[in-house]
């Protein structure tokens, strides 16, 4: 099931991201992964891997590093009820 979702994600990303893209995306999540492994971490890592495979520069957000730069911050979090 997870492999199918990753393959579908890869197909969507190939259509959406041009090969000559020179953007840097920082991925952020409200809860550190070392505190709660699971679906959000798996999804975020798969998304970063696929984008990197398409030539997009991706990094996890380093909240402590004031010198980190990026063009887009993609914030992933579970919606509150």
PDB file of N, CA and C in Angstrom:
ATOM      1  N   UNK A   1       0.827  -1.194   0.000  1.00  0.00           N
ATOM      2  CA  UNK A   1       0.000   0.000   0.000  1.00  0.00           C
ATOM      3  C   UNK A   1       0.871   1.257   0.000  1.00  0.00           C
ATOM      4  N   UNK A   2       1.899   1.289   0.847  1.00  0.00           N
ATOM      5  CA  UNK A   2       2.759   2.457   0.929  1.00  0.00           C
ATOM      6  C   UNK A   2       3.538   2.657  -0.363  1.00  0.00           C
ATOM      7  N   UNK A   3       3.980   1.571  -0.983  1.00  0.00           N
ATOM      8  CA  UNK A   3       4.738   1.662  -2.233  1.00  0.00           C
ATOM      9  C   UNK A   3       3.868   2.277  -3.324  1.00  0.00           C
ATOM     10  N   UNK A   4       2.600   1.887  -3.384  1.00  0.00           N
ATOM     11  CA  UNK A   4       1.682   2.456  -4.372  1.00  0.00           C
ATOM     12  C   UNK A   4       1.499   3.952  -4.155  1.00  0.00           C
ATOM     13  N   UNK A   5       1.381   4.377  -2.913  1.00  0.00           N
ATOM     14  CA  UNK A   5       1.219   5.804  -2.611  1.00  0.00           C
ATOM     15  C   UNK A   5       2.470   6.583  -3.013  1.00  0.00           C
ATOM     16  N   UNK A   6       3.655   6.011  -2.757  1.00  0.00           N
ATOM     17  CA  UNK A   6       4.895   6.679  -3.133  1.00  0.00           C
ATOM     18  C   UNK A   6       5.032   6.772  -4.645  1.00  0.00           C
ATOM     19  N   UNK A   7       4.618   5.740  -5.372  1.00  0.00           N
ATOM     20  CA  UNK A   7       4.679   5.766  -6.834  1.00  0.00           C
ATOM     21  C   UNK A   7       3.711   6.806  -7.393  1.00  0.00           C
ATOM     22  N   UNK A   8       2.543   6.900  -6.808  1.00  0.00           N
ATOM     23  CA  UNK A   8       1.571   7.898  -7.246  1.00  0.00           C
ATOM     24  C   UNK A   8       2.108   9.303  -6.986  1.00  0.00           C
ATOM     25  N   UNK A   9       2.710   9.498  -5.821  1.00  0.00           N
ATOM     26  CA  UNK A   9       3.308  10.785  -5.475  1.00  0.00           C
ATOM     27  C   UNK A   9       4.410  11.153  -6.464  1.00  0.00           C
ATOM     28  N   UNK A  10       5.239  10.194  -6.828  1.00  0.00           N
ATOM     29  CA  UNK A  10       6.317  10.448  -7.784  1.00  0.00           C
ATOM     30  C   UNK A  10       5.756  10.883  -9.132  1.00  0.00           C
ATOM     31  N   UNK A  11       4.687  10.254  -9.585  1.00  0.00           N
ATOM     32  CA  UNK A  11       4.071  10.630 -10.854  1.00  0.00           C
ATOM     33  C   UNK A  11       3.525  12.049 -10.837  1.00  0.00           C
ATOM     34  N   UNK A  12       2.881  12.420  -9.749  1.00  0.00           N
ATOM     35  CA  UNK A  12       2.323  13.766  -9.614  1.00  0.00           C
ATOM     36  C   UNK A  12       3.444  14.800  -9.593  1.00  0.00           C
ATOM     37  N   UNK A  13       4.500  14.504  -8.839  1.00  0.00           N
ATOM     38  CA  UNK A  13       5.607  15.453  -8.736  1.00  0.00           C
ATOM     39  C   UNK A  13       6.343  15.634 -10.054  1.00  0.00           C
ATOM     40  N   UNK A  14       6.493  14.583 -10.838  1.00  0.00           N
ATOM     41  CA  UNK A  14       7.169  14.697 -12.125  1.00  0.00           C
ATOM     42  C   UNK A  14       6.432  15.649 -13.048  1.00  0.00           C
ATOM     43  N   UNK A  15       5.126  15.675 -12.974  1.00  0.00           N
ATOM     44  CA  UNK A  15       4.337  16.581 -13.803  1.00  0.00           C
ATOM     45  C   UNK A  15       4.391  18.014 -13.281  1.00  0.00           C
ATOM     46  N   UNK A  16       4.523  18.180 -11.967  1.00  0.00           N
ATOM     47  CA  UNK A  16       4.410  19.503 -11.357  1.00  0.00           C
ATOM     48  C   UNK A  16       5.721  20.268 -11.268  1.00  0.00           C
ATOM     49  N   UNK A  17       6.846  19.578 -11.215  1.00  0.00           N
ATOM     50  CA  UNK A  17       8.129  20.244 -10.993  1.00  0.00           C
ATOM     51  C   UNK A  17       8.971  20.191 -12.257  1.00  0.00           C
ATOM     52  N   UNK A  18       9.331  21.339 -12.821  1.00  0.00           N
ATOM     53  CA  UNK A  18      10.191  21.327 -14.004  1.00  0.00           C
ATOM     54  C   UNK A  18      11.580  20.807 -13.673  1.00  0.00           C
ATOM     55  N   UNK A  19      12.232  20.157 -14.638  1.00  0.00           N
ATOM     56  CA  UNK A  19      13.550  19.565 -14.408  1.00  0.00           C
ATOM     57  C   UNK A  19      14.628  20.600 -14.120  1.00  0.00           C
ATOM     58  N   UNK A  20      14.467  21.821 -14.619  1.00  0.00           N
ATOM     59  CA  UNK A  20      15.496  22.839 -14.425  1.00  0.00           C
ATOM     60  C   UNK A  20      15.212  23.726 -13.211  1.00  0.00           C
ATOM     61  N   UNK A  21      14.411  23.226 -12.283  1.00  0.00           N
ATOM     62  CA  UNK A  21      14.032  23.994 -11.107  1.00  0.00           C
ATOM     63  C   UNK A  21      15.250  24.275 -10.227  1.00  0.00           C
ATOM     64  N   UNK A  22      15.347  25.505  -9.763  1.00  0.00           N
ATOM     65  CA  UNK A  22      16.435  25.879  -8.862  1.00  0.00           C
ATOM     66  C   UNK A  22      15.855  26.464  -7.576  1.00  0.00           C
ATOM     67  N   UNK A  23      14.928  25.771  -6.992  1.00  0.00           N
ATOM     68  CA  UNK A  23      14.353  26.242  -5.750  1.00  0.00           C
ATOM     69  C   UNK A  23      14.789  25.337  -4.607  1.00  0.00           C
ATOM     70  N   UNK A  24      14.721  25.897  -3.424  1.00  0.00           N
ATOM     71  CA  UNK A  24      15.078  25.133  -2.230  1.00  0.00           C
ATOM     72  C   UNK A  24      13.860  25.126  -1.309  1.00  0.00           C
ATOM     73  N   UNK A  25      13.445  23.929  -0.929  1.00  0.00           N
ATOM     74  CA  UNK A  25      12.285  23.775  -0.074  1.00  0.00           C
ATOM     75  C   UNK A  25      12.736  23.273   1.291  1.00  0.00           C
ATOM     76  N   UNK A  26      12.300  23.966   2.328  1.00  0.00           N
ATOM     77  CA  UNK A  26      12.570  23.545   3.701  1.00  0.00           C
ATOM     78  C   UNK A  26      11.309  22.878   4.239  1.00  0.00           C
ATOM     79  N   UNK A  27      11.457  21.700   4.799  1.00  0.00           N
ATOM     80  CA  UNK A  27      10.319  20.966   5.343  1.00  0.00           C
ATOM     81  C   UNK A  27      10.294  21.099   6.853  1.00  0.00           C
ATOM     82  N   UNK A  28       9.140  21.469   7.374  1.00  0.00           N
ATOM     83  CA  UNK A  28       8.987  21.699   8.799  1.00  0.00           C
ATOM     84  C   UNK A  28       7.820  20.881   9.338  1.00  0.00           C
ATOM     85  N   UNK A  29       7.971  20.422  10.564  1.00  0.00           N
ATOM     86  CA  UNK A  29       6.911  19.684  11.248  1.00  0.00           C
ATOM     87  C   UNK A  29       6.930  20.113  12.701  1.00  0.00           C
ATOM     88  N   UNK A  30       5.774  20.196  13.310  1.00  0.00           N
ATOM     89  CA  UNK A  30       5.689  20.736  14.670  1.00  0.00           C
ATOM     90  C   UNK A  30       6.264  19.809  15.737  1.00  0.00           C
ATOM     91  N   UNK A  31       6.322  18.513  15.460  1.00  0.00           N
ATOM     92  CA  UNK A  31       6.824  17.575  16.467  1.00  0.00           C
ATOM     93  C   UNK A  31       8.092  16.900  15.960  1.00  0.00           C
ATOM     94  N   UNK A  32       9.167  16.957  16.747  1.00  0.00           N
ATOM     95  CA  UNK A  32      10.410  16.298  16.322  1.00  0.00           C
ATOM     96  C   UNK A  32      10.194  14.796  16.118  1.00  0.00           C
ATOM     97  N   UNK A  33      10.809  14.249  15.081  1.00  0.00           N
ATOM     98  CA  UNK A  33      10.605  12.847  14.740  1.00  0.00           C
ATOM     99  C   UNK A  33      11.111  11.902  15.825  1.00  0.00           C
ATOM    100  N   UNK A  34      12.123  12.307  16.567  1.00  0.00           N
ATOM    101  CA  UNK A  34      12.643  11.399  17.586  1.00  0.00           C
ATOM    102  C   UNK A  34      11.634  11.198  18.720  1.00  0.00           C
ATOM    103  N   UNK A  35      10.618  12.048  18.794  1.00  0.00           N
ATOM    104  CA  UNK A  35       9.589  11.887  19.825  1.00  0.00           C
ATOM    105  C   UNK A  35       8.415  11.039  19.350  1.00  0.00           C
ATOM    106  N   UNK A  36       8.199  10.998  18.049  1.00  0.00           N
ATOM    107  CA  UNK A  36       7.032  10.261  17.545  1.00  0.00           C
ATOM    108  C   UNK A  36       7.284   9.789  16.121  1.00  0.00           C
ATOM    109  N   UNK A  37       7.804   8.580  15.991  1.00  0.00           N
ATOM    110  CA  UNK A  37       7.996   8.006  14.659  1.00  0.00           C
ATOM    111  C   UNK A  37       6.635   7.599  14.109  1.00  0.00           C
ATOM    112  N   UNK A  38       6.497   7.606  12.804  1.00  0.00           N
ATOM    113  CA  UNK A  38       5.226   7.149  12.255  1.00  0.00           C
ATOM    114  C   UNK A  38       4.924   7.703  10.886  1.00  0.00           C
ATOM    115  N   UNK A  39       3.632   7.814  10.582  1.00  0.00           N
ATOM    116  CA  UNK A  39       3.159   8.160   9.257  1.00  0.00           C
ATOM    117  C   UNK A  39       3.617   9.514   8.756  1.00  0.00           C
ATOM    118  N   UNK A  40       3.603  10.529   9.611  1.00  0.00           N
ATOM    119  CA  UNK A  40       4.024  11.862   9.178  1.00  0.00           C
ATOM    120  C   UNK A  40       5.490  11.852   8.767  1.00  0.00           C
ATOM    121  N   UNK A  41       6.313  11.177   9.538  1.00  0.00           N
ATOM    122  CA  UNK A  41       7.736  11.087   9.212  1.00  0.00           C
ATOM    123  C   UNK A  41       7.936  10.343   7.896  1.00  0.00           C
ATOM    124  N   UNK A  42       7.231   9.249   7.712  1.00  0.00           N
ATOM    125  CA  UNK A  42       7.345   8.455   6.490  1.00  0.00           C
ATOM    126  C   UNK A  42       6.917   9.273   5.277  1.00  0.00           C
ATOM    127  N   UNK A  43       5.811   9.986   5.394  1.00  0.00           N
ATOM    128  CA  UNK A  43       5.318  10.816   4.299  1.00  0.00           C
ATOM    129  C   UNK A  43       6.303  11.938   3.978  1.00  0.00           C
ATOM    130  N   UNK A  44       6.779  12.618   4.996  1.00  0.00           N
ATOM    131  CA  UNK A  44       7.703  13.726   4.790  1.00  0.00           C
ATOM    132  C   UNK A  44       9.003  13.247   4.143  1.00  0.00           C
ATOM    133  N   UNK A  45       9.549  12.146   4.615  1.00  0.00           N
ATOM    134  CA  UNK A  45      10.794  11.626   4.039  1.00  0.00           C
ATOM    135  C   UNK A  45      10.593  11.161   2.599  1.00  0.00           C
ATOM    136  N   UNK A  46       9.437  10.546   2.298  1.00  0.00           N
ATOM    137  CA  UNK A  46       9.147  10.119   0.928  1.00  0.00           C
ATOM    138  C   UNK A  46       9.016  11.322   0.005  1.00  0.00           C
ATOM    139  N   UNK A  47       8.343  12.361   0.465  1.00  0.00           N
ATOM    140  CA  UNK A  47       8.178  13.570  -0.332  1.00  0.00           C
ATOM    141  C   UNK A  47       9.524  14.240  -0.594  1.00  0.00           C
ATOM    142  N   UNK A  48      10.350  14.331   0.428  1.00  0.00           N
ATOM    143  CA  UNK A  48      11.684  14.923   0.257  1.00  0.00           C
ATOM    144  C   UNK A  48      12.523  14.094  -0.712  1.00  0.00           C
ATOM    145  N   UNK A  49      12.457  12.786  -0.598  1.00  0.00           N
ATOM    146  CA  UNK A  49      13.234  11.898  -1.472  1.00  0.00           C
ATOM    147  C   UNK A  49      12.816  12.050  -2.935  1.00  0.00           C
ATOM    148  N   UNK A  50      11.513  12.093  -3.185  1.00  0.00           N
ATOM    149  CA  UNK A  50      11.017  12.210  -4.554  1.00  0.00           C
ATOM    150  C   UNK A  50      11.362  13.569  -5.154  1.00  0.00           C
ATOM    151  N   UNK A  51      11.215  14.623  -4.375  1.00  0.00           N
ATOM    152  CA  UNK A  51      11.576  15.949  -4.881  1.00  0.00           C
ATOM    153  C   UNK A  51      13.068  16.046  -5.171  1.00  0.00           C
ATOM    154  N   UNK A  52      13.886  15.488  -4.299  1.00  0.00           N
ATOM    155  CA  UNK A  52      15.333  15.486  -4.532  1.00  0.00           C
ATOM    156  C   UNK A  52      15.666  14.706  -5.801  1.00  0.00           C
ATOM    157  N   UNK A  53      14.945  13.630  -6.054  1.00  0.00           N
ATOM    158  CA  UNK A  53      15.143  12.847  -7.270  1.00  0.00           C
ATOM    159  C   UNK A  53      14.788  13.617  -8.532  1.00  0.00           C
ATOM    160  N   UNK A  54      13.940  14.633  -8.387  1.00  0.00           N
ATOM    161  CA  UNK A  54      13.561  15.479  -9.517  1.00  0.00           C
ATOM    162  C   UNK A  54      14.476  16.697  -9.659  1.00  0.00           C
ATOM    163  N   UNK A  55      15.467  16.795  -8.787  1.00  0.00           N
ATOM    164  CA  UNK A  55      16.426  17.883  -8.886  1.00  0.00           C
ATOM    165  C   UNK A  55      16.127  19.090  -8.025  1.00  0.00           C
ATOM    166  N   UNK A  56      15.138  18.992  -7.151  1.00  0.00           N
ATOM    167  CA  UNK A  56      14.816  20.097  -6.254  1.00  0.00           C
ATOM    168  C   UNK A  56      15.677  19.965  -5.002  1.00  0.00           C
ATOM    169  N   UNK A  57      16.231  21.060  -4.555  1.00  0.00           N
ATOM    170  CA  UNK A  57      17.045  21.072  -3.344  1.00  0.00           C
ATOM    171  C   UNK A  57      16.107  21.083  -2.142  1.00  0.00           C
ATOM    172  N   UNK A  58      16.183  20.064  -1.292  1.00  0.00           N
ATOM    173  CA  UNK A  58      15.302  19.959  -0.131  1.00  0.00           C
ATOM    174  C   UNK A  58      16.136  19.752   1.129  1.00  0.00           C
ATOM    175  N   UNK A  59      15.639  20.293   2.225  1.00  0.00           N
ATOM    176  CA  UNK A  59      16.283  20.116   3.535  1.00  0.00           C
ATOM    177  C   UNK A  59      15.206  20.133   4.605  1.00  0.00           C
ATOM    178  N   UNK A  60      15.432  19.406   5.694  1.00  0.00           N
ATOM    179  CA  UNK A  60      14.558  19.608   6.849  1.00  0.00           C
ATOM    180  C   UNK A  60      14.887  20.969   7.471  1.00  0.00           C
ATOM    181  N   UNK A  61      13.890  21.598   8.032  1.00  0.00           N
ATOM    182  CA  UNK A  61      14.114  22.889   8.677  1.00  0.00           C
ATOM    183  C   UNK A  61      15.036  22.698   9.882  1.00  0.00           C
ATOM    184  N   UNK A  62      16.031  23.550   9.973  1.00  0.00           N
ATOM    185  CA  UNK A  62      16.905  23.582  11.151  1.00  0.00           C
ATOM    186  C   UNK A  62      16.542  24.852  11.923  1.00  0.00           C
ATOM    187  N   UNK A  63      15.605  24.730  12.854  1.00  0.00           N
ATOM    188  CA  UNK A  63      15.080  25.897  13.553  1.00  0.00           C
ATOM    189  C   UNK A  63      16.147  26.644  14.343  1.00  0.00           C
ATOM    190  N   UNK A  64      17.232  25.965  14.680  1.00  0.00           N
ATOM    191  CA  UNK A  64      18.295  26.584  15.465  1.00  0.00           C
ATOM    192  C   UNK A  64      19.314  27.318  14.590  1.00  0.00           C
ATOM    193  N   UNK A  65      19.237  27.158  13.267  1.00  0.00           N
ATOM    194  CA  UNK A  65      20.234  27.709  12.345  1.00  0.00           C
ATOM    195  C   UNK A  65      19.690  28.963  11.671  1.00  0.00           C
ATOM    196  N   UNK A  66      20.116  30.115  12.146  1.00  0.00           N
ATOM    197  CA  UNK A  66      19.628  31.372  11.578  1.00  0.00           C
ATOM    198  C   UNK A  66      20.182  31.647  10.182  1.00  0.00           C
ATOM    199  N   UNK A  67      21.175  30.882   9.752  1.00  0.00           N
ATOM    200  CA  UNK A  67      21.772  31.082   8.432  1.00  0.00           C
ATOM    201  C   UNK A  67      21.200  30.161   7.362  1.00  0.00           C
ATOM    202  N   UNK A  68      20.270  29.269   7.724  1.00  0.00           N
ATOM    203  CA  UNK A  68      19.654  28.386   6.733  1.00  0.00           C
ATOM    204  C   UNK A  68      18.749  29.217   5.827  1.00  0.00           C
ATOM    205  N   UNK A  69      18.851  28.959   4.533  1.00  0.00           N
ATOM    206  CA  UNK A  69      18.030  29.695   3.572  1.00  0.00           C
ATOM    207  C   UNK A  69      17.187  28.728   2.759  1.00  0.00           C
ATOM    208  N   UNK A  70      16.116  29.244   2.217  1.00  0.00           N
ATOM    209  CA  UNK A  70      15.241  28.458   1.361  1.00  0.00           C
ATOM    210  C   UNK A  70      14.234  29.361   0.687  1.00  0.00           C
ATOM    211  N   UNK A  71      13.601  28.856  -0.345  1.00  0.00           N
ATOM    212  CA  UNK A  71      12.592  29.624  -1.074  1.00  0.00           C
ATOM    213  C   UNK A  71      11.186  29.372  -0.543  1.00  0.00           C
ATOM    214  N   UNK A  72      10.939  28.139  -0.102  1.00  0.00           N
ATOM    215  CA  UNK A  72       9.608  27.753   0.369  1.00  0.00           C
ATOM    216  C   UNK A  72       9.767  26.971   1.668  1.00  0.00           C
ATOM    217  N   UNK A  73       8.891  27.245   2.631  1.00  0.00           N
ATOM    218  CA  UNK A  73       8.811  26.403   3.830  1.00  0.00           C
ATOM    219  C   UNK A  73       7.517  25.612   3.727  1.00  0.00           C
ATOM    220  N   UNK A  74       7.655  24.291   3.652  1.00  0.00           N
ATOM    221  CA  UNK A  74       6.486  23.417   3.591  1.00  0.00           C
ATOM    222  C   UNK A  74       6.256  22.892   5.002  1.00  0.00           C
ATOM    223  N   UNK A  75       5.205  23.393   5.631  1.00  0.00           N
ATOM    224  CA  UNK A  75       4.884  23.015   7.003  1.00  0.00           C
ATOM    225  C   UNK A  75       3.851  21.903   7.005  1.00  0.00           C
ATOM    226  N   UNK A  76       4.203  20.787   7.594  1.00  0.00           N
ATOM    227  CA  UNK A  76       3.294  19.642   7.663  1.00  0.00           C
ATOM    228  C   UNK A  76       2.857  19.446   9.114  1.00  0.00           C
ATOM    229  N   UNK A  77       1.555  19.367   9.310  1.00  0.00           N
ATOM    230  CA  UNK A  77       1.030  19.133  10.644  1.00  0.00           C
ATOM    231  C   UNK A  77      -0.376  18.572  10.526  1.00  0.00           C
ATOM    232  N   UNK A  78      -0.786  17.861  11.510  1.00  0.00           N
ATOM    233  CA  UNK A  78      -2.132  17.316  11.544  1.00  0.00           C
ATOM    234  C   UNK A  78      -3.094  18.439  11.916  1.00  0.00           C
ATOM    235  N   UNK A  79      -4.190  18.587  11.185  1.00  0.00           N
ATOM    236  CA  UNK A  79      -5.155  19.648  11.536  1.00  0.00           C
ATOM    237  C   UNK A  79      -5.761  19.423  12.916  1.00  0.00           C
ATOM    238  N   UNK A  80      -6.006  20.499  13.594  1.00  0.00           N
ATOM    239  CA  UNK A  80      -6.650  20.408  14.916  1.00  0.00           C
ATOM    240  C   UNK A  80      -8.145  20.259  14.743  1.00  0.00           C
ATOM    241  N   UNK A  81      -8.750  19.588  15.693  1.00  0.00           N
ATOM    242  CA  UNK A  81     -10.222  19.405  15.651  1.00  0.00           C
ATOM    243  C   UNK A  81     -10.929  20.574  16.236  1.00  0.00           C
TER     244      UNK A  81
END
